[in-house]
Structure formats: C-alpha cells, structure tokens
Amino acid sequence: MDDPVDARLAAAVSHDPRATLAQLSERVGLSTSAVQARLRRLESTGVITGYRALLDPEAVGRPLSAFIEISPLDPRQPDDAPELLESIAAIEACHSVAGDAAYMLFVRVGSPRELEALVTEIRQTASVSTRTTVVLQTFYEHRPMLELPAED
C-alpha cells in the first residue's frame, strides 16, 4: 500500500473492526468524514474485503479442527475439487499448495466421528485421496496482516 495513512487506517480497522469512525479518526489523524471516504475507497478497491465476527469453535459446536491434504485419484481428470467441495460447510478454507498434495483444506467439526464422515464425503464428492492431520491446540490464528504503528 503506497499511502501511509491508508496503511495505518487498514491496520487499525484490521485490529479492531468495530472501532468507530471517531476512534479511527483519532488513530490516523484525519476528520471522521475523511476516514469514512478512505474506508469506502479501501473497500471499493478491494483492500478491505469485509468485516466479520470471529466465533469460538467450541461455543458453536465445532471444537475439532484438522488439516486435510487432498490429491486427485486420477490426475488426468479435471482439477475441479475446490468447486466440488465449496458447498461443504465444515470446510473453512481450501488452499492450492506445492508439495505432495494438490490442495490443503482446513476444517472444523464437532467430533472425531464427524471428521470421519467428512473425510468420506470429501473423498466421494471430489474423487480424491486424503491425508488428515488433527489439530491438538491452536496458539494463534486470525492475526491481522498489518502491524499497528506505535502511538505518538
């Protein structure tokens, strides 16, 4: 990001998406109307892609997280696994990766039995082989991409 004020604003909103315009204005040293205009521009240009609430996985019944590597059973078939799996709600993320697997999925489910059923569904839906790694503990995730500059 070329504009240092935009960078500070993007960092501030990524650290606290619920900050008011007045709080953001104070943080970046601009009027609330200038902050509002900059936020709209950052949204319209795709720098800010959305705002969301982060939920506690245990509180919503999905305490078990896992990474699932998937590879096509037949490399000659169309590579459409991401599209085929997109509607499965337990899959939080799908990444194309370099290495032995074609894609890495991040999933959250309620139990080991649900994970087993999910892996079966993934295999059958996308005609892929899988390798699953269960997460035992998460130390951090959803970290903001930009650091907040030190307060003056």
N, C-alpha and C. Protein backbone atom coordinates (compact mmCIF):
# COMPACT_ATOMS: atom_id res chain seq x y z
N MET A 1 0.85 -1.17 0.00
CA MET A 1 0.00 0.00 0.00
C MET A 1 0.90 1.23 0.00
N ASP A 2 0.67 2.09 -0.96
CA ASP A 2 1.55 3.25 -1.14
C ASP A 2 1.29 4.37 -0.15
N ASP A 3 0.05 4.59 0.21
CA ASP A 3 -0.30 5.71 1.07
C ASP A 3 -0.16 5.31 2.54
N PRO A 4 0.72 5.97 3.30
CA PRO A 4 0.94 5.58 4.70
C PRO A 4 -0.30 5.79 5.58
N VAL A 5 -1.13 6.75 5.25
CA VAL A 5 -2.37 6.96 6.02
C VAL A 5 -3.34 5.80 5.76
N ASP A 6 -3.46 5.40 4.51
CA ASP A 6 -4.30 4.24 4.19
C ASP A 6 -3.78 2.99 4.91
N ALA A 7 -2.47 2.83 4.94
CA ALA A 7 -1.88 1.67 5.62
C ALA A 7 -2.21 1.69 7.12
N ARG A 8 -2.09 2.87 7.73
CA ARG A 8 -2.42 2.98 9.16
C ARG A 8 -3.91 2.72 9.40
N LEU A 9 -4.75 3.22 8.51
CA LEU A 9 -6.18 3.01 8.64
C LEU A 9 -6.54 1.54 8.47
N ALA A 10 -5.97 0.90 7.45
CA ALA A 10 -6.23 -0.53 7.22
C ALA A 10 -5.74 -1.36 8.42
N ALA A 11 -4.58 -1.02 8.96
CA ALA A 11 -4.08 -1.73 10.13
C ALA A 11 -5.02 -1.53 11.32
N ALA A 12 -5.46 -0.31 11.53
CA ALA A 12 -6.33 -0.02 12.67
C ALA A 12 -7.64 -0.78 12.57
N VAL A 13 -8.24 -0.79 11.39
CA VAL A 13 -9.52 -1.47 11.24
C VAL A 13 -9.35 -3.00 11.28
N SER A 14 -8.18 -3.50 10.86
CA SER A 14 -7.96 -4.95 10.94
C SER A 14 -7.75 -5.40 12.38
N HIS A 15 -7.25 -4.53 13.22
CA HIS A 15 -7.07 -4.86 14.63
C HIS A 15 -8.36 -4.69 15.42
N ASP A 16 -9.21 -3.76 14.98
CA ASP A 16 -10.47 -3.52 15.68
C ASP A 16 -11.54 -3.13 14.67
N PRO A 17 -12.18 -4.12 14.04
CA PRO A 17 -13.18 -3.81 13.01
C PRO A 17 -14.41 -3.09 13.56
N ARG A 18 -14.59 -3.09 14.86
CA ARG A 18 -15.74 -2.42 15.46
C ARG A 18 -15.42 -1.00 15.92
N ALA A 19 -14.23 -0.54 15.63
CA ALA A 19 -13.84 0.83 16.01
C ALA A 19 -14.77 1.82 15.33
N THR A 20 -15.12 2.86 16.03
CA THR A 20 -15.98 3.89 15.45
C THR A 20 -15.16 4.78 14.52
N LEU A 21 -15.86 5.54 13.70
CA LEU A 21 -15.17 6.50 12.83
C LEU A 21 -14.37 7.49 13.67
N ALA A 22 -14.93 7.89 14.81
CA ALA A 22 -14.22 8.84 15.69
C ALA A 22 -12.93 8.22 16.22
N GLN A 23 -12.98 6.97 16.61
CA GLN A 23 -11.76 6.30 17.10
C GLN A 23 -10.73 6.16 15.99
N LEU A 24 -11.18 5.76 14.82
CA LEU A 24 -10.26 5.63 13.68
C LEU A 24 -9.69 6.99 13.29
N SER A 25 -10.54 8.01 13.35
CA SER A 25 -10.11 9.36 13.03
C SER A 25 -8.98 9.81 13.96
N GLU A 26 -9.16 9.53 15.23
CA GLU A 26 -8.12 9.88 16.21
C GLU A 26 -6.84 9.09 15.95
N ARG A 27 -7.02 7.84 15.59
CA ARG A 27 -5.86 6.96 15.37
C ARG A 27 -5.00 7.42 14.18
N VAL A 28 -5.65 7.86 13.10
CA VAL A 28 -4.90 8.21 11.90
C VAL A 28 -4.73 9.71 11.70
N GLY A 29 -5.36 10.51 12.54
CA GLY A 29 -5.18 11.96 12.47
C GLY A 29 -5.93 12.65 11.36
N LEU A 30 -7.09 12.13 11.00
CA LEU A 30 -7.93 12.76 9.97
C LEU A 30 -9.33 12.99 10.53
N SER A 31 -10.11 13.79 9.83
CA SER A 31 -11.51 14.01 10.23
C SER A 31 -12.30 12.72 10.00
N THR A 32 -13.43 12.61 10.68
CA THR A 32 -14.26 11.41 10.50
C THR A 32 -14.76 11.29 9.06
N SER A 33 -15.07 12.41 8.42
CA SER A 33 -15.53 12.34 7.02
C SER A 33 -14.40 11.87 6.10
N ALA A 34 -13.17 12.29 6.37
CA ALA A 34 -12.03 11.84 5.56
C ALA A 34 -11.78 10.34 5.79
N VAL A 35 -11.91 9.89 7.04
CA VAL A 35 -11.75 8.47 7.35
C VAL A 35 -12.83 7.65 6.65
N GLN A 36 -14.06 8.13 6.72
CA GLN A 36 -15.17 7.43 6.06
C GLN A 36 -14.92 7.32 4.55
N ALA A 37 -14.48 8.39 3.93
CA ALA A 37 -14.20 8.37 2.50
C ALA A 37 -13.06 7.40 2.17
N ARG A 38 -12.03 7.40 3.00
CA ARG A 38 -10.90 6.48 2.77
C ARG A 38 -11.34 5.02 2.96
N LEU A 39 -12.17 4.77 3.98
CA LEU A 39 -12.66 3.41 4.18
C LEU A 39 -13.47 2.94 2.97
N ARG A 40 -14.34 3.81 2.48
CA ARG A 40 -15.13 3.45 1.29
C ARG A 40 -14.23 3.14 0.10
N ARG A 41 -13.17 3.95 -0.07
CA ARG A 41 -12.23 3.70 -1.17
C ARG A 41 -11.48 2.38 -0.97
N LEU A 42 -11.03 2.11 0.27
CA LEU A 42 -10.33 0.86 0.54
C LEU A 42 -11.25 -0.34 0.32
N GLU A 43 -12.53 -0.18 0.61
CA GLU A 43 -13.50 -1.25 0.35
C GLU A 43 -13.75 -1.41 -1.15
N SER A 44 -13.95 -0.31 -1.86
CA SER A 44 -14.27 -0.39 -3.29
C SER A 44 -13.09 -0.89 -4.12
N THR A 45 -11.86 -0.65 -3.66
CA THR A 45 -10.69 -1.13 -4.39
C THR A 45 -10.27 -2.54 -3.97
N GLY A 46 -10.98 -3.10 -2.98
CA GLY A 46 -10.72 -4.48 -2.59
C GLY A 46 -9.62 -4.66 -1.56
N VAL A 47 -9.10 -3.57 -1.00
CA VAL A 47 -8.10 -3.70 0.07
C VAL A 47 -8.80 -4.26 1.31
N ILE A 48 -9.92 -3.67 1.68
CA ILE A 48 -10.75 -4.20 2.76
C ILE A 48 -11.84 -5.03 2.08
N THR A 49 -11.84 -6.33 2.35
CA THR A 49 -12.77 -7.22 1.66
C THR A 49 -13.99 -7.56 2.49
N GLY A 50 -14.02 -7.14 3.75
CA GLY A 50 -15.19 -7.40 4.57
C GLY A 50 -14.88 -7.26 6.04
N TYR A 51 -15.91 -7.40 6.82
CA TYR A 51 -15.82 -7.34 8.28
C TYR A 51 -16.55 -8.57 8.79
N ARG A 52 -16.00 -9.22 9.82
CA ARG A 52 -16.67 -10.42 10.29
C ARG A 52 -16.45 -10.63 11.77
N ALA A 53 -17.38 -11.35 12.36
CA ALA A 53 -17.25 -11.74 13.75
C ALA A 53 -16.49 -13.06 13.80
N LEU A 54 -15.59 -13.19 14.74
CA LEU A 54 -14.86 -14.44 14.94
C LEU A 54 -15.58 -15.21 16.05
N LEU A 55 -15.96 -16.44 15.76
CA LEU A 55 -16.72 -17.24 16.70
C LEU A 55 -15.83 -18.24 17.41
N ASP A 56 -16.17 -18.55 18.63
CA ASP A 56 -15.47 -19.57 19.39
C ASP A 56 -15.92 -20.93 18.87
N PRO A 57 -15.02 -21.73 18.28
CA PRO A 57 -15.41 -23.02 17.70
C PRO A 57 -16.11 -23.94 18.70
N GLU A 58 -15.65 -23.95 19.94
CA GLU A 58 -16.29 -24.81 20.93
C GLU A 58 -17.71 -24.35 21.23
N ALA A 59 -17.91 -23.05 21.31
CA ALA A 59 -19.23 -22.50 21.64
C ALA A 59 -20.25 -22.79 20.55
N VAL A 60 -19.80 -22.95 19.30
CA VAL A 60 -20.73 -23.23 18.20
C VAL A 60 -20.73 -24.70 17.79
N GLY A 61 -20.14 -25.56 18.63
CA GLY A 61 -20.22 -27.00 18.41
C GLY A 61 -19.25 -27.58 17.40
N ARG A 62 -18.13 -26.86 17.15
CA ARG A 62 -17.11 -27.38 16.23
C ARG A 62 -15.72 -27.29 16.87
N PRO A 63 -15.50 -28.04 17.95
CA PRO A 63 -14.23 -27.93 18.66
C PRO A 63 -13.06 -28.64 18.00
N LEU A 64 -13.32 -29.53 17.05
CA LEU A 64 -12.26 -30.32 16.43
C LEU A 64 -11.84 -29.71 15.10
N SER A 65 -10.57 -29.33 14.99
CA SER A 65 -10.02 -28.76 13.76
C SER A 65 -9.04 -29.75 13.14
N ALA A 66 -8.94 -29.70 11.83
CA ALA A 66 -7.99 -30.58 11.14
C ALA A 66 -7.58 -29.96 9.81
N PHE A 67 -6.41 -30.36 9.36
CA PHE A 67 -5.94 -30.04 8.02
C PHE A 67 -6.06 -31.32 7.21
N ILE A 68 -6.64 -31.21 6.03
CA ILE A 68 -6.80 -32.38 5.17
C ILE A 68 -6.12 -32.08 3.84
N GLU A 69 -5.08 -32.85 3.53
CA GLU A 69 -4.44 -32.75 2.22
C GLU A 69 -5.25 -33.61 1.26
N ILE A 70 -5.52 -33.07 0.07
CA ILE A 70 -6.23 -33.87 -0.93
C ILE A 70 -5.45 -33.88 -2.23
N SER A 71 -5.52 -35.02 -2.91
CA SER A 71 -4.87 -35.20 -4.22
C SER A 71 -5.83 -35.97 -5.11
N PRO A 72 -5.90 -35.63 -6.40
CA PRO A 72 -6.82 -36.34 -7.29
C PRO A 72 -6.42 -37.81 -7.42
N LEU A 73 -7.43 -38.69 -7.45
CA LEU A 73 -7.15 -40.10 -7.67
C LEU A 73 -6.64 -40.34 -9.08
N ASP A 74 -7.19 -39.60 -10.04
CA ASP A 74 -6.78 -39.72 -11.44
C ASP A 74 -6.35 -38.33 -11.93
N PRO A 75 -5.03 -38.10 -12.02
CA PRO A 75 -4.54 -36.78 -12.44
C PRO A 75 -5.01 -36.36 -13.84
N ARG A 76 -5.52 -37.30 -14.63
CA ARG A 76 -6.00 -36.97 -15.98
C ARG A 76 -7.39 -36.35 -15.95
N GLN A 77 -8.08 -36.48 -14.83
CA GLN A 77 -9.43 -35.91 -14.71
C GLN A 77 -9.35 -34.40 -14.47
N PRO A 78 -10.44 -33.66 -14.74
CA PRO A 78 -10.43 -32.21 -14.49
C PRO A 78 -10.12 -31.90 -13.02
N ASP A 79 -9.38 -30.83 -12.83
CA ASP A 79 -8.99 -30.40 -11.48
C ASP A 79 -10.07 -29.45 -10.95
N ASP A 80 -11.17 -30.02 -10.48
CA ASP A 80 -12.30 -29.21 -10.04
C ASP A 80 -12.66 -29.45 -8.58
N ALA A 81 -11.73 -29.97 -7.80
CA ALA A 81 -12.01 -30.27 -6.38
C ALA A 81 -12.50 -29.04 -5.61
N PRO A 82 -11.86 -27.86 -5.75
CA PRO A 82 -12.37 -26.72 -4.98
C PRO A 82 -13.84 -26.41 -5.26
N GLU A 83 -14.24 -26.46 -6.52
CA GLU A 83 -15.63 -26.19 -6.86
C GLU A 83 -16.55 -27.28 -6.32
N LEU A 84 -16.13 -28.52 -6.40
CA LEU A 84 -16.97 -29.63 -5.93
C LEU A 84 -17.16 -29.61 -4.42
N LEU A 85 -16.17 -29.10 -3.69
CA LEU A 85 -16.22 -29.12 -2.22
C LEU A 85 -16.71 -27.81 -1.60
N GLU A 86 -16.91 -26.80 -2.42
CA GLU A 86 -17.23 -25.46 -1.92
C GLU A 86 -18.49 -25.42 -1.04
N SER A 87 -19.45 -26.27 -1.29
CA SER A 87 -20.71 -26.23 -0.54
C SER A 87 -20.65 -26.96 0.80
N ILE A 88 -19.55 -27.60 1.12
CA ILE A 88 -19.44 -28.32 2.39
C ILE A 88 -19.08 -27.33 3.48
N ALA A 89 -20.01 -27.06 4.38
CA ALA A 89 -19.86 -26.00 5.38
C ALA A 89 -18.71 -26.23 6.35
N ALA A 90 -18.36 -27.47 6.62
CA ALA A 90 -17.28 -27.75 7.59
C ALA A 90 -15.91 -27.36 7.05
N ILE A 91 -15.79 -27.16 5.74
CA ILE A 91 -14.51 -26.75 5.16
C ILE A 91 -14.42 -25.23 5.25
N GLU A 92 -13.51 -24.75 6.09
CA GLU A 92 -13.33 -23.31 6.29
C GLU A 92 -12.44 -22.68 5.23
N ALA A 93 -11.46 -23.44 4.75
CA ALA A 93 -10.52 -22.89 3.78
C ALA A 93 -10.01 -24.00 2.87
N CYS A 94 -9.72 -23.62 1.62
CA CYS A 94 -9.14 -24.53 0.64
C CYS A 94 -7.99 -23.79 -0.04
N HIS A 95 -6.79 -24.33 0.06
CA HIS A 95 -5.59 -23.70 -0.50
C HIS A 95 -4.94 -24.63 -1.51
N SER A 96 -4.57 -24.07 -2.66
CA SER A 96 -3.74 -24.80 -3.60
C SER A 96 -2.32 -24.75 -3.04
N VAL A 97 -1.64 -25.90 -2.99
CA VAL A 97 -0.33 -25.96 -2.35
C VAL A 97 0.70 -26.65 -3.25
N ALA A 98 1.96 -26.35 -2.97
CA ALA A 98 3.07 -27.05 -3.62
C ALA A 98 3.47 -28.20 -2.71
N GLY A 99 3.87 -29.30 -3.29
CA GLY A 99 4.25 -30.46 -2.48
C GLY A 99 3.54 -31.70 -2.98
N ASP A 100 3.38 -32.67 -2.10
CA ASP A 100 2.76 -33.93 -2.49
C ASP A 100 1.27 -33.81 -2.77
N ALA A 101 0.59 -32.94 -2.04
CA ALA A 101 -0.86 -32.77 -2.21
C ALA A 101 -1.15 -31.67 -3.21
N ALA A 102 -2.36 -31.68 -3.74
CA ALA A 102 -2.80 -30.62 -4.65
C ALA A 102 -3.42 -29.47 -3.87
N TYR A 103 -4.16 -29.81 -2.81
CA TYR A 103 -4.85 -28.80 -2.00
C TYR A 103 -4.74 -29.14 -0.53
N MET A 104 -4.84 -28.10 0.29
CA MET A 104 -4.87 -28.25 1.74
C MET A 104 -6.18 -27.63 2.21
N LEU A 105 -6.98 -28.43 2.90
CA LEU A 105 -8.25 -27.96 3.45
C LEU A 105 -8.08 -27.73 4.94
N PHE A 106 -8.74 -26.71 5.47
CA PHE A 106 -8.83 -26.53 6.92
C PHE A 106 -10.30 -26.72 7.27
N VAL A 107 -10.55 -27.64 8.19
CA VAL A 107 -11.94 -27.99 8.52
C VAL A 107 -12.17 -27.90 10.03
N ARG A 108 -13.43 -27.71 10.39
CA ARG A 108 -13.85 -27.74 11.80
C ARG A 108 -15.12 -28.58 11.88
N VAL A 109 -15.12 -29.52 12.84
CA VAL A 109 -16.26 -30.40 13.05
C VAL A 109 -16.49 -30.58 14.55
N GLY A 110 -17.57 -31.29 14.88
CA GLY A 110 -17.95 -31.46 16.28
C GLY A 110 -17.32 -32.64 16.99
N SER A 111 -16.84 -33.64 16.24
CA SER A 111 -16.34 -34.85 16.90
C SER A 111 -15.47 -35.66 15.93
N PRO A 112 -14.72 -36.62 16.46
CA PRO A 112 -13.95 -37.50 15.57
C PRO A 112 -14.85 -38.26 14.58
N ARG A 113 -16.01 -38.64 15.02
CA ARG A 113 -16.94 -39.34 14.13
C ARG A 113 -17.38 -38.43 12.97
N GLU A 114 -17.64 -37.16 13.29
CA GLU A 114 -17.99 -36.20 12.23
C GLU A 114 -16.82 -35.98 11.28
N LEU A 115 -15.60 -35.98 11.81
CA LEU A 115 -14.42 -35.84 10.95
C LEU A 115 -14.32 -37.03 10.00
N GLU A 116 -14.54 -38.21 10.50
CA GLU A 116 -14.50 -39.40 9.66
C GLU A 116 -15.55 -39.32 8.55
N ALA A 117 -16.75 -38.89 8.89
CA ALA A 117 -17.81 -38.74 7.88
C ALA A 117 -17.45 -37.66 6.86
N LEU A 118 -16.85 -36.58 7.33
CA LEU A 118 -16.44 -35.50 6.43
C LEU A 118 -15.38 -35.99 5.45
N VAL A 119 -14.38 -36.70 5.95
CA VAL A 119 -13.32 -37.22 5.07
C VAL A 119 -13.92 -38.14 4.01
N THR A 120 -14.86 -38.97 4.40
CA THR A 120 -15.53 -39.85 3.44
C THR A 120 -16.29 -39.03 2.39
N GLU A 121 -17.00 -37.99 2.84
CA GLU A 121 -17.73 -37.13 1.92
C GLU A 121 -16.79 -36.44 0.94
N ILE A 122 -15.66 -35.94 1.44
CA ILE A 122 -14.68 -35.27 0.58
C ILE A 122 -14.15 -36.24 -0.46
N ARG A 123 -13.79 -37.45 -0.04
CA ARG A 123 -13.26 -38.45 -0.98
C ARG A 123 -14.27 -38.77 -2.07
N GLN A 124 -15.52 -38.99 -1.67
CA GLN A 124 -16.54 -39.38 -2.64
C GLN A 124 -16.94 -38.22 -3.55
N THR A 125 -17.05 -37.03 -3.00
CA THR A 125 -17.50 -35.87 -3.78
C THR A 125 -16.48 -35.44 -4.83
N ALA A 126 -15.20 -35.45 -4.47
CA ALA A 126 -14.18 -34.91 -5.37
C ALA A 126 -13.26 -35.97 -5.98
N SER A 127 -13.50 -37.24 -5.70
CA SER A 127 -12.64 -38.33 -6.21
C SER A 127 -11.17 -38.05 -5.91
N VAL A 128 -10.88 -37.90 -4.62
CA VAL A 128 -9.53 -37.58 -4.17
C VAL A 128 -9.08 -38.55 -3.08
N SER A 129 -7.77 -38.62 -2.92
CA SER A 129 -7.21 -39.29 -1.75
C SER A 129 -6.98 -38.21 -0.70
N THR A 130 -6.94 -38.63 0.55
CA THR A 130 -6.79 -37.65 1.64
C THR A 130 -5.71 -38.08 2.62
N ARG A 131 -5.20 -37.09 3.30
CA ARG A 131 -4.29 -37.31 4.44
C ARG A 131 -4.68 -36.26 5.47
N THR A 132 -5.07 -36.71 6.65
CA THR A 132 -5.63 -35.82 7.66
C THR A 132 -4.69 -35.64 8.84
N THR A 133 -4.55 -34.40 9.29
CA THR A 133 -3.79 -34.07 10.48
C THR A 133 -4.72 -33.33 11.43
N VAL A 134 -4.93 -33.89 12.61
CA VAL A 134 -5.82 -33.28 13.60
C VAL A 134 -5.05 -32.23 14.40
N VAL A 135 -5.68 -31.09 14.63
CA VAL A 135 -5.08 -30.01 15.42
C VAL A 135 -5.32 -30.31 16.89
N LEU A 136 -4.26 -30.33 17.68
CA LEU A 136 -4.39 -30.56 19.11
C LEU A 136 -4.61 -29.26 19.88
N GLN A 137 -3.91 -28.22 19.46
CA GLN A 137 -4.02 -26.92 20.13
C GLN A 137 -3.65 -25.83 19.14
N THR A 138 -4.39 -24.73 19.18
CA THR A 138 -4.10 -23.58 18.32
C THR A 138 -3.58 -22.45 19.20
N PHE A 139 -2.38 -21.99 18.89
CA PHE A 139 -1.78 -20.93 19.69
C PHE A 139 -2.20 -19.55 19.21
N TYR A 140 -2.37 -19.39 17.92
CA TYR A 140 -2.90 -18.14 17.38
C TYR A 140 -3.39 -18.38 15.96
N GLU A 141 -4.38 -17.60 15.58
CA GLU A 141 -4.91 -17.58 14.21
C GLU A 141 -5.67 -16.27 14.04
N HIS A 142 -6.04 -15.96 12.83
CA HIS A 142 -6.75 -14.72 12.52
C HIS A 142 -5.95 -13.49 12.92
N ARG A 143 -4.64 -13.56 12.78
CA ARG A 143 -3.80 -12.41 13.12
C ARG A 143 -3.94 -11.34 12.05
N PRO A 144 -3.99 -10.07 12.46
CA PRO A 144 -4.05 -9.00 11.45
C PRO A 144 -2.80 -9.03 10.57
N MET A 145 -2.98 -8.72 9.28
CA MET A 145 -1.86 -8.74 8.33
C MET A 145 -0.93 -7.56 8.50
N LEU A 146 -1.47 -6.44 8.98
CA LEU A 146 -0.67 -5.23 9.12
C LEU A 146 -0.48 -4.91 10.60
N GLU A 147 0.73 -4.48 10.95
CA GLU A 147 1.00 -4.08 12.33
C GLU A 147 0.53 -2.65 12.55
N LEU A 148 0.06 -2.41 13.77
CA LEU A 148 -0.29 -1.04 14.14
C LEU A 148 0.98 -0.26 14.39
N PRO A 149 1.08 0.94 13.84
CA PRO A 149 2.26 1.75 14.15
C PRO A 149 2.21 2.19 15.61
N ALA A 150 3.36 2.44 16.17
CA ALA A 150 3.44 2.88 17.57
C ALA A 150 2.72 4.21 17.72
N GLU A 151 2.06 4.37 18.86
CA GLU A 151 1.36 5.64 19.15
C GLU A 151 2.40 6.74 19.34
N ASP A 152 2.09 7.93 18.86
CA ASP A 152 3.00 9.07 19.03
C ASP A 152 2.88 9.65 20.42
